[in-house]
């Protein structure tokens, strides 16, 4: 089946905190005062002048070795410049000074994620969630790591908590629905993507993934477990990778192997079930159409999905028509 659009991910930059001392006047005070250097560092940091901010934070630390926020902001500025080892050192120092510094745990989680140290990454994100239980971004970041590591049950639980913390977080609902789609909880995924679209009607990826959810919900009934041939044919119906230029497209009168497989499977289903499947494919096509209306949409991916859905829908409709026709034995009985 076609892979859903990747989940939203928070920008991988450190999160910065500025607790400025309002009594300090940055340039006119004695530069030896730790507070002055800290406040100036915060100003430079906010302006993106990280090297200058780093110098100010280090100067602050010279005058106050136990200034936890200066250590934290220094680590954050270093992380922005991808000086990861030194950033890690100062985050750890922050936690030595203040073990309950949630943001230090959060940014350490990102550092360890970048270096593929997954157990340490999860450990710090989990600690950040405990210390910042009302911060939805922290739940989402932890959920993404669980999902990357295929720990889907944990990802599902953490995204559910994210939507409780902030029921209007389209990012939280989108990632929850994506996880439900990966776990083949199609009804739940459909409801999740629909919630995203209530909150954000022009969400391109939600429209596309909602289409995939309808598409896959219907397709699963057309893949009997005992028939590898049908399964392979249907899985080929929507490519997970783009076609090569040399691939030969079927002629209009030449049904794809996926369509033939769908026909074989559909012949064993009731007419009401097939009608339900047709409706799902219609809804999938409607969602794909919505996704394609955006200028930045992936045209080839959407066109591939549309082509597959149309082929299988056409076969299902034909099967419905065949089932609705009276059988020959029934006609003989009537004539007698």
C-alpha atoms as a PDB file:
ATOM      1  CA  UNK A   1       0.000   0.000   0.000  1.00  0.00           C
ATOM      2  CA  UNK A   2       1.059   3.577  -0.496  1.00  0.00           C
ATOM      3  CA  UNK A   3       2.861   5.017   2.482  1.00  0.00           C
ATOM      4  CA  UNK A   4       1.162   7.906   4.226  1.00  0.00           C
ATOM      5  CA  UNK A   5       2.778  11.324   4.310  1.00  0.00           C
ATOM      6  CA  UNK A   6       5.360  11.509   7.092  1.00  0.00           C
ATOM      7  CA  UNK A   7       4.083  12.879  10.384  1.00  0.00           C
ATOM      8  CA  UNK A   8       4.637  16.467  11.388  1.00  0.00           C
ATOM      9  CA  UNK A   9       7.878  16.982  13.170  1.00  0.00           C
ATOM     10  CA  UNK A  10       8.842  19.914  15.286  1.00  0.00           C
ATOM     11  CA  UNK A  11      11.726  21.887  13.819  1.00  0.00           C
ATOM     12  CA  UNK A  12      14.881  20.231  15.068  1.00  0.00           C
ATOM     13  CA  UNK A  13      16.355  23.232  16.804  1.00  0.00           C
ATOM     14  CA  UNK A  14      16.879  23.640  20.502  1.00  0.00           C
ATOM     15  CA  UNK A  15      14.184  25.308  22.548  1.00  0.00           C
ATOM     16  CA  UNK A  16      15.493  28.449  24.226  1.00  0.00           C
ATOM     17  CA  UNK A  17      14.386  30.062  27.469  1.00  0.00           C
ATOM     18  CA  UNK A  18      14.889  33.688  28.413  1.00  0.00           C
ATOM     19  CA  UNK A  19      14.319  34.642  32.046  1.00  0.00           C
ATOM     20  CA  UNK A  20      15.529  38.200  31.910  1.00  0.00           C
ATOM     21  CA  UNK A  21      16.200  40.230  35.040  1.00  0.00           C
ATOM     22  CA  UNK A  22      14.091  43.386  34.473  1.00  0.00           C
ATOM     23  CA  UNK A  23      16.217  45.396  36.892  1.00  0.00           C
ATOM     24  CA  UNK A  24      19.349  45.003  34.792  1.00  0.00           C
ATOM     25  CA  UNK A  25      20.258  47.525  32.068  1.00  0.00           C
ATOM     26  CA  UNK A  26      22.330  45.576  29.572  1.00  0.00           C
ATOM     27  CA  UNK A  27      24.985  47.945  28.214  1.00  0.00           C
ATOM     28  CA  UNK A  28      25.220  50.517  31.006  1.00  0.00           C
ATOM     29  CA  UNK A  29      25.857  48.167  33.921  1.00  0.00           C
ATOM     30  CA  UNK A  30      29.195  46.732  35.097  1.00  0.00           C
ATOM     31  CA  UNK A  31      30.128  43.970  32.613  1.00  0.00           C
ATOM     32  CA  UNK A  32      31.445  41.862  35.505  1.00  0.00           C
ATOM     33  CA  UNK A  33      27.989  41.303  36.822  1.00  0.00           C
ATOM     34  CA  UNK A  34      26.681  37.884  35.858  1.00  0.00           C
ATOM     35  CA  UNK A  35      23.124  39.137  35.388  1.00  0.00           C
ATOM     36  CA  UNK A  36      24.198  41.734  32.838  1.00  0.00           C
ATOM     37  CA  UNK A  37      26.052  39.182  30.724  1.00  0.00           C
ATOM     38  CA  UNK A  38      23.151  36.757  30.977  1.00  0.00           C
ATOM     39  CA  UNK A  39      20.586  39.337  29.842  1.00  0.00           C
ATOM     40  CA  UNK A  40      22.774  40.494  26.975  1.00  0.00           C
ATOM     41  CA  UNK A  41      23.266  36.867  25.970  1.00  0.00           C
ATOM     42  CA  UNK A  42      19.474  36.383  25.886  1.00  0.00           C
ATOM     43  CA  UNK A  43      19.064  39.423  23.621  1.00  0.00           C
ATOM     44  CA  UNK A  44      21.755  38.234  21.217  1.00  0.00           C
ATOM     45  CA  UNK A  45      20.354  34.695  21.310  1.00  0.00           C
ATOM     46  CA  UNK A  46      16.895  35.883  20.330  1.00  0.00           C
ATOM     47  CA  UNK A  47      18.442  37.803  17.418  1.00  0.00           C
ATOM     48  CA  UNK A  48      20.192  34.665  16.174  1.00  0.00           C
ATOM     49  CA  UNK A  49      23.660  35.962  17.033  1.00  0.00           C
ATOM     50  CA  UNK A  50      24.683  32.703  18.622  1.00  0.00           C
ATOM     51  CA  UNK A  51      28.477  33.126  18.804  1.00  0.00           C
ATOM     52  CA  UNK A  52      28.118  36.445  20.615  1.00  0.00           C
ATOM     53  CA  UNK A  53      25.470  34.962  22.895  1.00  0.00           C
ATOM     54  CA  UNK A  54      27.802  32.079  23.741  1.00  0.00           C
ATOM     55  CA  UNK A  55      30.501  34.518  24.816  1.00  0.00           C
ATOM     56  CA  UNK A  56      28.050  36.346  27.073  1.00  0.00           C
ATOM     57  CA  UNK A  57      26.763  33.150  28.686  1.00  0.00           C
ATOM     58  CA  UNK A  58      30.312  31.963  29.362  1.00  0.00           C
ATOM     59  CA  UNK A  59      31.141  35.305  30.898  1.00  0.00           C
ATOM     60  CA  UNK A  60      28.041  35.035  33.072  1.00  0.00           C
ATOM     61  CA  UNK A  61      29.088  31.569  34.239  1.00  0.00           C
ATOM     62  CA  UNK A  62      32.503  32.927  35.220  1.00  0.00           C
ATOM     63  CA  UNK A  63      30.786  35.163  37.733  1.00  0.00           C
ATOM     64  CA  UNK A  64      28.126  32.690  38.783  1.00  0.00           C
ATOM     65  CA  UNK A  65      29.131  29.037  38.477  1.00  0.00           C
ATOM     66  CA  UNK A  66      25.671  27.848  39.558  1.00  0.00           C
ATOM     67  CA  UNK A  67      23.601  29.880  37.094  1.00  0.00           C
ATOM     68  CA  UNK A  68      21.480  27.006  35.704  1.00  0.00           C
ATOM     69  CA  UNK A  69      19.702  29.075  33.048  1.00  0.00           C
ATOM     70  CA  UNK A  70      23.005  30.409  31.712  1.00  0.00           C
ATOM     71  CA  UNK A  71      24.279  26.844  31.346  1.00  0.00           C
ATOM     72  CA  UNK A  72      21.037  25.841  29.635  1.00  0.00           C
ATOM     73  CA  UNK A  73      20.997  28.777  27.193  1.00  0.00           C
ATOM     74  CA  UNK A  74      24.686  28.265  26.435  1.00  0.00           C
ATOM     75  CA  UNK A  75      23.933  24.636  25.535  1.00  0.00           C
ATOM     76  CA  UNK A  76      20.973  25.764  23.424  1.00  0.00           C
ATOM     77  CA  UNK A  77      23.109  28.252  21.450  1.00  0.00           C
ATOM     78  CA  UNK A  78      25.787  25.606  20.913  1.00  0.00           C
ATOM     79  CA  UNK A  79      23.133  23.170  19.674  1.00  0.00           C
ATOM     80  CA  UNK A  80      21.913  25.757  17.158  1.00  0.00           C
ATOM     81  CA  UNK A  81      25.458  25.807  15.754  1.00  0.00           C
ATOM     82  CA  UNK A  82      25.616  21.976  15.726  1.00  0.00           C
ATOM     83  CA  UNK A  83      28.376  21.931  18.348  1.00  0.00           C
ATOM     84  CA  UNK A  84      26.734  18.881  19.837  1.00  0.00           C
ATOM     85  CA  UNK A  85      29.337  17.477  22.231  1.00  0.00           C
ATOM     86  CA  UNK A  86      29.808  20.788  24.018  1.00  0.00           C
ATOM     87  CA  UNK A  87      26.044  21.352  24.058  1.00  0.00           C
ATOM     88  CA  UNK A  88      25.560  17.945  25.680  1.00  0.00           C
ATOM     89  CA  UNK A  89      28.131  18.856  28.348  1.00  0.00           C
ATOM     90  CA  UNK A  90      26.300  22.054  29.332  1.00  0.00           C
ATOM     91  CA  UNK A  91      22.855  20.418  29.288  1.00  0.00           C
ATOM     92  CA  UNK A  92      24.171  17.813  31.712  1.00  0.00           C
ATOM     93  CA  UNK A  93      25.639  20.558  33.872  1.00  0.00           C
ATOM     94  CA  UNK A  94      22.230  22.263  33.828  1.00  0.00           C
ATOM     95  CA  UNK A  95      20.637  19.066  35.133  1.00  0.00           C
ATOM     96  CA  UNK A  96      23.286  18.793  37.835  1.00  0.00           C
ATOM     97  CA  UNK A  97      22.327  22.284  39.001  1.00  0.00           C
ATOM     98  CA  UNK A  98      18.601  21.790  38.450  1.00  0.00           C
ATOM     99  CA  UNK A  99      17.509  18.133  38.011  1.00  0.00           C
ATOM    100  CA  UNK A 100      13.939  19.235  37.256  1.00  0.00           C
ATOM    101  CA  UNK A 101      14.864  21.396  34.255  1.00  0.00           C
ATOM    102  CA  UNK A 102      12.411  19.938  31.736  1.00  0.00           C
ATOM    103  CA  UNK A 103      13.749  21.840  28.744  1.00  0.00           C
ATOM    104  CA  UNK A 104      17.277  20.494  29.301  1.00  0.00           C
ATOM    105  CA  UNK A 105      15.844  16.962  29.128  1.00  0.00           C
ATOM    106  CA  UNK A 106      13.851  17.912  26.019  1.00  0.00           C
ATOM    107  CA  UNK A 107      16.830  19.251  24.074  1.00  0.00           C
ATOM    108  CA  UNK A 108      19.082  16.407  25.198  1.00  0.00           C
ATOM    109  CA  UNK A 109      16.448  14.121  23.721  1.00  0.00           C
ATOM    110  CA  UNK A 110      16.926  15.807  20.348  1.00  0.00           C
ATOM    111  CA  UNK A 111      20.713  15.617  20.615  1.00  0.00           C
ATOM    112  CA  UNK A 112      20.578  11.882  21.252  1.00  0.00           C
ATOM    113  CA  UNK A 113      18.019  11.419  18.497  1.00  0.00           C
ATOM    114  CA  UNK A 114      20.399  13.062  16.020  1.00  0.00           C
ATOM    115  CA  UNK A 115      23.177  10.679  17.064  1.00  0.00           C
ATOM    116  CA  UNK A 116      20.858   7.614  17.013  1.00  0.00           C
ATOM    117  CA  UNK A 117      21.258   6.990  20.738  1.00  0.00           C
ATOM    118  CA  UNK A 118      17.673   5.864  20.975  1.00  0.00           C
ATOM    119  CA  UNK A 119      17.479   4.579  24.549  1.00  0.00           C
ATOM    120  CA  UNK A 120      18.990   7.805  25.927  1.00  0.00           C
ATOM    121  CA  UNK A 121      16.777   9.847  23.615  1.00  0.00           C
ATOM    122  CA  UNK A 122      13.627   8.138  24.888  1.00  0.00           C
ATOM    123  CA  UNK A 123      14.822   8.405  28.504  1.00  0.00           C
ATOM    124  CA  UNK A 124      15.183  12.191  28.307  1.00  0.00           C
ATOM    125  CA  UNK A 125      11.970  12.782  26.340  1.00  0.00           C
ATOM    126  CA  UNK A 126      10.069  10.666  28.874  1.00  0.00           C
ATOM    127  CA  UNK A 127      11.561  12.691  31.715  1.00  0.00           C
ATOM    128  CA  UNK A 128      10.641  15.905  29.885  1.00  0.00           C
ATOM    129  CA  UNK A 129       7.026  14.717  29.623  1.00  0.00           C
ATOM    130  CA  UNK A 130       6.924  14.095  33.379  1.00  0.00           C
ATOM    131  CA  UNK A 131       8.354  17.526  34.161  1.00  0.00           C
ATOM    132  CA  UNK A 132       6.272  19.418  31.546  1.00  0.00           C
ATOM    133  CA  UNK A 133       2.943  17.550  31.488  1.00  0.00           C
ATOM    134  CA  UNK A 134       1.127  20.415  29.765  1.00  0.00           C
ATOM    135  CA  UNK A 135       3.587  20.862  26.881  1.00  0.00           C
ATOM    136  CA  UNK A 136       2.067  19.228  23.797  1.00  0.00           C
ATOM    137  CA  UNK A 137       5.282  19.507  21.728  1.00  0.00           C
ATOM    138  CA  UNK A 138       7.073  17.263  24.216  1.00  0.00           C
ATOM    139  CA  UNK A 139       4.441  14.534  23.817  1.00  0.00           C
ATOM    140  CA  UNK A 140       4.648  14.798  20.039  1.00  0.00           C
ATOM    141  CA  UNK A 141       8.449  14.592  20.025  1.00  0.00           C
ATOM    142  CA  UNK A 142       8.397  11.487  22.208  1.00  0.00           C
ATOM    143  CA  UNK A 143       5.677   9.941  20.051  1.00  0.00           C
ATOM    144  CA  UNK A 144       7.737  10.460  16.912  1.00  0.00           C
ATOM    145  CA  UNK A 145      10.685   8.614  18.437  1.00  0.00           C
ATOM    146  CA  UNK A 146       8.457   5.725  19.542  1.00  0.00           C
ATOM    147  CA  UNK A 147       7.067   5.574  16.010  1.00  0.00           C
ATOM    148  CA  UNK A 148      10.519   5.667  14.398  1.00  0.00           C
ATOM    149  CA  UNK A 149      11.505   2.753  16.626  1.00  0.00           C
ATOM    150  CA  UNK A 150       8.314   0.858  15.701  1.00  0.00           C
ATOM    151  CA  UNK A 151       7.025   0.992  19.295  1.00  0.00           C
ATOM    152  CA  UNK A 152       3.552   1.759  17.969  1.00  0.00           C
ATOM    153  CA  UNK A 153       1.578   1.000  21.123  1.00  0.00           C
ATOM    154  CA  UNK A 154       3.604   3.557  23.113  1.00  0.00           C
ATOM    155  CA  UNK A 155       3.339   6.084  20.288  1.00  0.00           C
ATOM    156  CA  UNK A 156      -0.426   5.629  20.216  1.00  0.00           C
ATOM    157  CA  UNK A 157      -0.739   6.235  23.954  1.00  0.00           C
ATOM    158  CA  UNK A 158       1.494   9.308  23.976  1.00  0.00           C
ATOM    159  CA  UNK A 159      -0.337  10.911  21.017  1.00  0.00           C
ATOM    160  CA  UNK A 160      -3.659  10.274  22.719  1.00  0.00           C
ATOM    161  CA  UNK A 161      -2.327  12.137  25.754  1.00  0.00           C
ATOM    162  CA  UNK A 162      -1.164  14.966  23.470  1.00  0.00           C
ATOM    163  CA  UNK A 163      -4.708  15.449  22.149  1.00  0.00           C
ATOM    164  CA  UNK A 164      -6.018  15.535  25.734  1.00  0.00           C
ATOM    165  CA  UNK A 165      -3.447  18.161  26.724  1.00  0.00           C
ATOM    166  CA  UNK A 166      -4.416  20.269  23.691  1.00  0.00           C
ATOM    167  CA  UNK A 167      -7.570  19.137  21.927  1.00  0.00           C
ATOM    168  CA  UNK A 168      -7.024  21.798  19.242  1.00  0.00           C
ATOM    169  CA  UNK A 169      -3.525  20.669  18.276  1.00  0.00           C
ATOM    170  CA  UNK A 170      -3.773  19.681  14.621  1.00  0.00           C
ATOM    171  CA  UNK A 171      -0.208  18.329  14.888  1.00  0.00           C
ATOM    172  CA  UNK A 172      -1.224  16.066  17.767  1.00  0.00           C
ATOM    173  CA  UNK A 173      -4.308  14.724  15.978  1.00  0.00           C
ATOM    174  CA  UNK A 174      -2.388  14.266  12.703  1.00  0.00           C
ATOM    175  CA  UNK A 175       0.338  12.179  14.336  1.00  0.00           C
ATOM    176  CA  UNK A 176      -2.243  10.173  16.277  1.00  0.00           C
ATOM    177  CA  UNK A 177      -4.159   9.395  13.077  1.00  0.00           C
ATOM    178  CA  UNK A 178      -0.952   8.435  11.270  1.00  0.00           C
ATOM    179  CA  UNK A 179      -0.087   5.978  14.023  1.00  0.00           C
ATOM    180  CA  UNK A 180      -3.594   4.508  13.911  1.00  0.00           C
ATOM    181  CA  UNK A 181      -3.218   4.146  10.145  1.00  0.00           C
ATOM    182  CA  UNK A 182       0.105   2.320  10.594  1.00  0.00           C
ATOM    183  CA  UNK A 183      -1.594  -0.010  13.089  1.00  0.00           C
ATOM    184  CA  UNK A 184      -4.469  -0.585  10.633  1.00  0.00           C
ATOM    185  CA  UNK A 185      -7.044   0.998  12.950  1.00  0.00           C
ATOM    186  CA  UNK A 186      -8.725   2.478   9.911  1.00  0.00           C
ATOM    187  CA  UNK A 187     -11.941   3.760  11.510  1.00  0.00           C
ATOM    188  CA  UNK A 188      -9.997   5.562  14.226  1.00  0.00           C
ATOM    189  CA  UNK A 189      -7.528   6.968  11.703  1.00  0.00           C
ATOM    190  CA  UNK A 190     -10.377   8.313   9.554  1.00  0.00           C
ATOM    191  CA  UNK A 191     -11.899  10.066  12.570  1.00  0.00           C
ATOM    192  CA  UNK A 192      -8.487  11.489  13.471  1.00  0.00           C
ATOM    193  CA  UNK A 193      -7.777  12.917  10.022  1.00  0.00           C
ATOM    194  CA  UNK A 194     -11.303  14.348   9.893  1.00  0.00           C
ATOM    195  CA  UNK A 195     -10.598  16.108  13.206  1.00  0.00           C
ATOM    196  CA  UNK A 196      -7.419  17.606  11.719  1.00  0.00           C
ATOM    197  CA  UNK A 197      -9.433  18.931   8.784  1.00  0.00           C
ATOM    198  CA  UNK A 198     -12.000  20.525  11.095  1.00  0.00           C
ATOM    199  CA  UNK A 199      -9.139  22.349  12.821  1.00  0.00           C
ATOM    200  CA  UNK A 200      -7.199  23.041   9.620  1.00  0.00           C
ATOM    201  CA  UNK A 201      -9.346  22.600   6.464  1.00  0.00           C
ATOM    202  CA  UNK A 202      -6.462  23.172   4.029  1.00  0.00           C
ATOM    203  CA  UNK A 203      -4.146  20.560   5.572  1.00  0.00           C
ATOM    204  CA  UNK A 204      -2.776  18.881   2.415  1.00  0.00           C
ATOM    205  CA  UNK A 205      -1.233  15.838   4.118  1.00  0.00           C
ATOM    206  CA  UNK A 206      -4.373  15.178   6.163  1.00  0.00           C
ATOM    207  CA  UNK A 207      -6.502  15.114   2.999  1.00  0.00           C
ATOM    208  CA  UNK A 208      -4.094  12.721   1.292  1.00  0.00           C
ATOM    209  CA  UNK A 209      -3.727  10.414   4.291  1.00  0.00           C
ATOM    210  CA  UNK A 210      -7.500  10.401   4.847  1.00  0.00           C
ATOM    211  CA  UNK A 211      -7.767   9.142   1.273  1.00  0.00           C
ATOM    212  CA  UNK A 212      -5.255   6.405   2.039  1.00  0.00           C
ATOM    213  CA  UNK A 213      -7.226   5.420   5.138  1.00  0.00           C
ATOM    214  CA  UNK A 214     -10.435   4.967   3.085  1.00  0.00           C
ATOM    215  CA  UNK A 215      -8.454   3.236   0.324  1.00  0.00           C
ATOM    216  CA  UNK A 216      -6.738   0.795   2.702  1.00  0.00           C
ATOM    217  CA  UNK A 217      -9.897   0.089   4.711  1.00  0.00           C
ATOM    218  CA  UNK A 218     -11.581  -1.112   1.550  1.00  0.00           C
ATOM    219  CA  UNK A 219      -8.531  -2.879   0.124  1.00  0.00           C
ATOM    220  CA  UNK A 220      -8.010  -5.001   3.257  1.00  0.00           C
ATOM    221  CA  UNK A 221     -11.278  -6.811   2.542  1.00  0.00           C
ATOM    222  CA  UNK A 222     -10.013  -7.613  -0.937  1.00  0.00           C
ATOM    223  CA  UNK A 223      -6.891  -9.370   0.321  1.00  0.00           C
ATOM    224  CA  UNK A 224      -7.850 -12.867   1.515  1.00  0.00           C
ATOM    225  CA  UNK A 225      -5.148 -14.197   3.828  1.00  0.00           C
ATOM    226  CA  UNK A 226      -4.921 -17.487   1.924  1.00  0.00           C
ATOM    227  CA  UNK A 227      -4.277 -15.905  -1.467  1.00  0.00           C
ATOM    228  CA  UNK A 228      -0.743 -14.576  -1.901  1.00  0.00           C
ATOM    229  CA  UNK A 229      -1.408 -13.801  -5.549  1.00  0.00           C
ATOM    230  CA  UNK A 230      -4.301 -11.482  -4.744  1.00  0.00           C
ATOM    231  CA  UNK A 231      -2.378  -9.862  -1.894  1.00  0.00           C
ATOM    232  CA  UNK A 232       0.632  -9.103  -4.053  1.00  0.00           C
ATOM    233  CA  UNK A 233      -1.551  -7.802  -6.850  1.00  0.00           C
ATOM    234  CA  UNK A 234      -3.420  -5.382  -4.580  1.00  0.00           C
ATOM    235  CA  UNK A 235      -0.293  -4.198  -2.815  1.00  0.00           C
ATOM    236  CA  UNK A 236       1.082  -3.305  -6.222  1.00  0.00           C
ATOM    237  CA  UNK A 237      -2.012  -1.224  -6.885  1.00  0.00           C
ATOM    238  CA  UNK A 238      -0.465   1.854  -5.303  1.00  0.00           C
ATOM    239  CA  UNK A 239       3.326   2.078  -5.616  1.00  0.00           C
ATOM    240  CA  UNK A 240       5.312   2.968  -2.516  1.00  0.00           C
ATOM    241  CA  UNK A 241       8.063   4.280  -4.796  1.00  0.00           C
ATOM    242  CA  UNK A 242       7.671   6.229  -8.077  1.00  0.00           C
ATOM    243  CA  UNK A 243       7.499   4.331 -11.342  1.00  0.00           C
ATOM    244  CA  UNK A 244      10.677   4.217 -13.429  1.00  0.00           C
ATOM    245  CA  UNK A 245      10.551   5.981 -16.765  1.00  0.00           C
ATOM    246  CA  UNK A 246      10.807   2.605 -18.501  1.00  0.00           C
ATOM    247  CA  UNK A 247       7.700   1.188 -16.839  1.00  0.00           C
ATOM    248  CA  UNK A 248       4.979   0.391 -19.343  1.00  0.00           C
ATOM    249  CA  UNK A 249       1.604   1.841 -18.448  1.00  0.00           C
ATOM    250  CA  UNK A 250      -1.387  -0.463 -19.143  1.00  0.00           C
ATOM    251  CA  UNK A 251      -3.581   0.402 -22.116  1.00  0.00           C
ATOM    252  CA  UNK A 252      -7.066   1.661 -21.378  1.00  0.00           C
ATOM    253  CA  UNK A 253      -8.506  -1.773 -22.283  1.00  0.00           C
ATOM    254  CA  UNK A 254      -5.847  -3.707 -20.358  1.00  0.00           C
ATOM    255  CA  UNK A 255      -6.770  -4.219 -16.676  1.00  0.00           C
ATOM    256  CA  UNK A 256      -3.895  -4.183 -14.207  1.00  0.00           C
ATOM    257  CA  UNK A 257      -3.033  -7.290 -12.188  1.00  0.00           C
ATOM    258  CA  UNK A 258      -4.348  -5.463  -9.125  1.00  0.00           C
ATOM    259  CA  UNK A 259      -7.710  -4.929 -10.803  1.00  0.00           C
ATOM    260  CA  UNK A 260      -7.903  -8.588 -11.808  1.00  0.00           C
ATOM    261  CA  UNK A 261      -7.061  -9.612  -8.229  1.00  0.00           C
ATOM    262  CA  UNK A 262      -9.709  -7.241  -6.897  1.00  0.00           C
ATOM    263  CA  UNK A 263     -12.253  -8.819  -9.195  1.00  0.00           C
ATOM    264  CA  UNK A 264     -11.367 -12.306  -8.015  1.00  0.00           C
ATOM    265  CA  UNK A 265     -11.678 -11.308  -4.373  1.00  0.00           C
ATOM    266  CA  UNK A 266     -14.832  -9.229  -4.889  1.00  0.00           C
ATOM    267  CA  UNK A 267     -16.643 -12.131  -6.515  1.00  0.00           C
ATOM    268  CA  UNK A 268     -16.672 -13.801  -3.084  1.00  0.00           C
ATOM    269  CA  UNK A 269     -18.232 -10.812  -1.286  1.00  0.00           C
ATOM    270  CA  UNK A 270     -21.874  -9.880  -0.831  1.00  0.00           C
ATOM    271  CA  UNK A 271     -23.376  -7.078  -2.872  1.00  0.00           C
ATOM    272  CA  UNK A 272     -23.868  -4.873   0.205  1.00  0.00           C
ATOM    273  CA  UNK A 273     -20.217  -5.319   1.183  1.00  0.00           C
ATOM    274  CA  UNK A 274     -19.084  -4.421  -2.314  1.00  0.00           C
ATOM    275  CA  UNK A 275     -21.296  -1.336  -2.288  1.00  0.00           C
ATOM    276  CA  UNK A 276     -19.607  -0.279   0.944  1.00  0.00           C
ATOM    277  CA  UNK A 277     -16.186  -0.792  -0.630  1.00  0.00           C
ATOM    278  CA  UNK A 278     -17.171   1.259  -3.665  1.00  0.00           C
ATOM    279  CA  UNK A 279     -18.206   4.074  -1.317  1.00  0.00           C
ATOM    280  CA  UNK A 280     -14.813   3.957   0.421  1.00  0.00           C
ATOM    281  CA  UNK A 281     -13.002   4.227  -2.901  1.00  0.00           C
ATOM    282  CA  UNK A 282     -15.236   7.146  -3.886  1.00  0.00           C
ATOM    283  CA  UNK A 283     -14.355   8.902  -0.641  1.00  0.00           C
ATOM    284  CA  UNK A 284     -10.669   8.124  -1.198  1.00  0.00           C
ATOM    285  CA  UNK A 285     -10.826   9.712  -4.646  1.00  0.00           C
ATOM    286  CA  UNK A 286     -12.551  12.792  -3.226  1.00  0.00           C
ATOM    287  CA  UNK A 287      -9.772  13.173  -0.637  1.00  0.00           C
ATOM    288  CA  UNK A 288      -7.039  12.713  -3.248  1.00  0.00           C
ATOM    289  CA  UNK A 289      -8.741  15.388  -5.345  1.00  0.00           C
ATOM    290  CA  UNK A 290      -8.709  17.781  -2.390  1.00  0.00           C
ATOM    291  CA  UNK A 291      -5.018  17.073  -1.800  1.00  0.00           C
ATOM    292  CA  UNK A 292      -4.147  17.649  -5.457  1.00  0.00           C
ATOM    293  CA  UNK A 293      -5.790  21.090  -5.414  1.00  0.00           C
ATOM    294  CA  UNK A 294      -2.859  22.481  -3.430  1.00  0.00           C
ATOM    295  CA  UNK A 295       0.032  24.019  -5.333  1.00  0.00           C
ATOM    296  CA  UNK A 296       2.699  22.222  -3.283  1.00  0.00           C
ATOM    297  CA  UNK A 297       1.173  18.746  -3.596  1.00  0.00           C
ATOM    298  CA  UNK A 298       3.151  15.729  -4.824  1.00  0.00           C
ATOM    299  CA  UNK A 299       1.417  15.347  -8.184  1.00  0.00           C
ATOM    300  CA  UNK A 300       2.935  12.011  -9.148  1.00  0.00           C
ATOM    301  CA  UNK A 301       2.142  10.331  -5.827  1.00  0.00           C
ATOM    302  CA  UNK A 302      -1.440  11.546  -5.876  1.00  0.00           C
ATOM    303  CA  UNK A 303      -1.962  10.578  -9.512  1.00  0.00           C
ATOM    304  CA  UNK A 304      -0.682   7.060  -8.741  1.00  0.00           C
ATOM    305  CA  UNK A 305      -3.107   6.735  -5.845  1.00  0.00           C
ATOM    306  CA  UNK A 306      -6.009   8.070  -7.946  1.00  0.00           C
ATOM    307  CA  UNK A 307      -5.252   5.648 -10.779  1.00  0.00           C
ATOM    308  CA  UNK A 308      -5.234   2.645  -8.440  1.00  0.00           C
ATOM    309  CA  UNK A 309      -8.438   3.669  -6.649  1.00  0.00           C
ATOM    310  CA  UNK A 310     -10.263   4.249  -9.949  1.00  0.00           C
ATOM    311  CA  UNK A 311      -9.210   0.877 -11.348  1.00  0.00           C
ATOM    312  CA  UNK A 312     -10.391  -1.077  -8.325  1.00  0.00           C
ATOM    313  CA  UNK A 313     -13.595   0.966  -7.953  1.00  0.00           C
ATOM    314  CA  UNK A 314     -14.422   0.252 -11.598  1.00  0.00           C
ATOM    315  CA  UNK A 315     -13.966  -3.513 -11.062  1.00  0.00           C
ATOM    316  CA  UNK A 316     -16.114  -3.447  -7.909  1.00  0.00           C
ATOM    317  CA  UNK A 317     -18.928  -1.605  -9.666  1.00  0.00           C
ATOM    318  CA  UNK A 318     -18.824  -4.165 -12.465  1.00  0.00           C
ATOM    319  CA  UNK A 319     -18.976  -7.002  -9.927  1.00  0.00           C
ATOM    320  CA  UNK A 320     -21.981  -5.354  -8.278  1.00  0.00           C
ATOM    321  CA  UNK A 321     -23.728  -5.212 -11.657  1.00  0.00           C
ATOM    322  CA  UNK A 322     -22.948  -8.864 -12.346  1.00  0.00           C
ATOM    323  CA  UNK A 323     -24.336  -9.919  -8.960  1.00  0.00           C
ATOM    324  CA  UNK A 324     -27.515  -7.938  -9.492  1.00  0.00           C
ATOM    325  CA  UNK A 325     -28.278  -9.783 -12.751  1.00  0.00           C
ATOM    326  CA  UNK A 326     -30.648 -12.780 -12.376  1.00  0.00           C
ATOM    327  CA  UNK A 327     -28.894 -16.138 -12.687  1.00  0.00           C
ATOM    328  CA  UNK A 328     -29.792 -18.530 -15.506  1.00  0.00           C
ATOM    329  CA  UNK A 329     -31.347 -21.063 -13.097  1.00  0.00           C
ATOM    330  CA  UNK A 330     -33.559 -18.329 -11.668  1.00  0.00           C
ATOM    331  CA  UNK A 331     -34.751 -17.415 -15.173  1.00  0.00           C
ATOM    332  CA  UNK A 332     -35.639 -21.038 -15.946  1.00  0.00           C
ATOM    333  CA  UNK A 333     -37.604 -21.350 -12.706  1.00  0.00           C
ATOM    334  CA  UNK A 334     -39.610 -18.235 -13.514  1.00  0.00           C
ATOM    335  CA  UNK A 335     -40.411 -19.422 -17.048  1.00  0.00           C
ATOM    336  CA  UNK A 336     -41.653 -22.738 -15.722  1.00  0.00           C
END
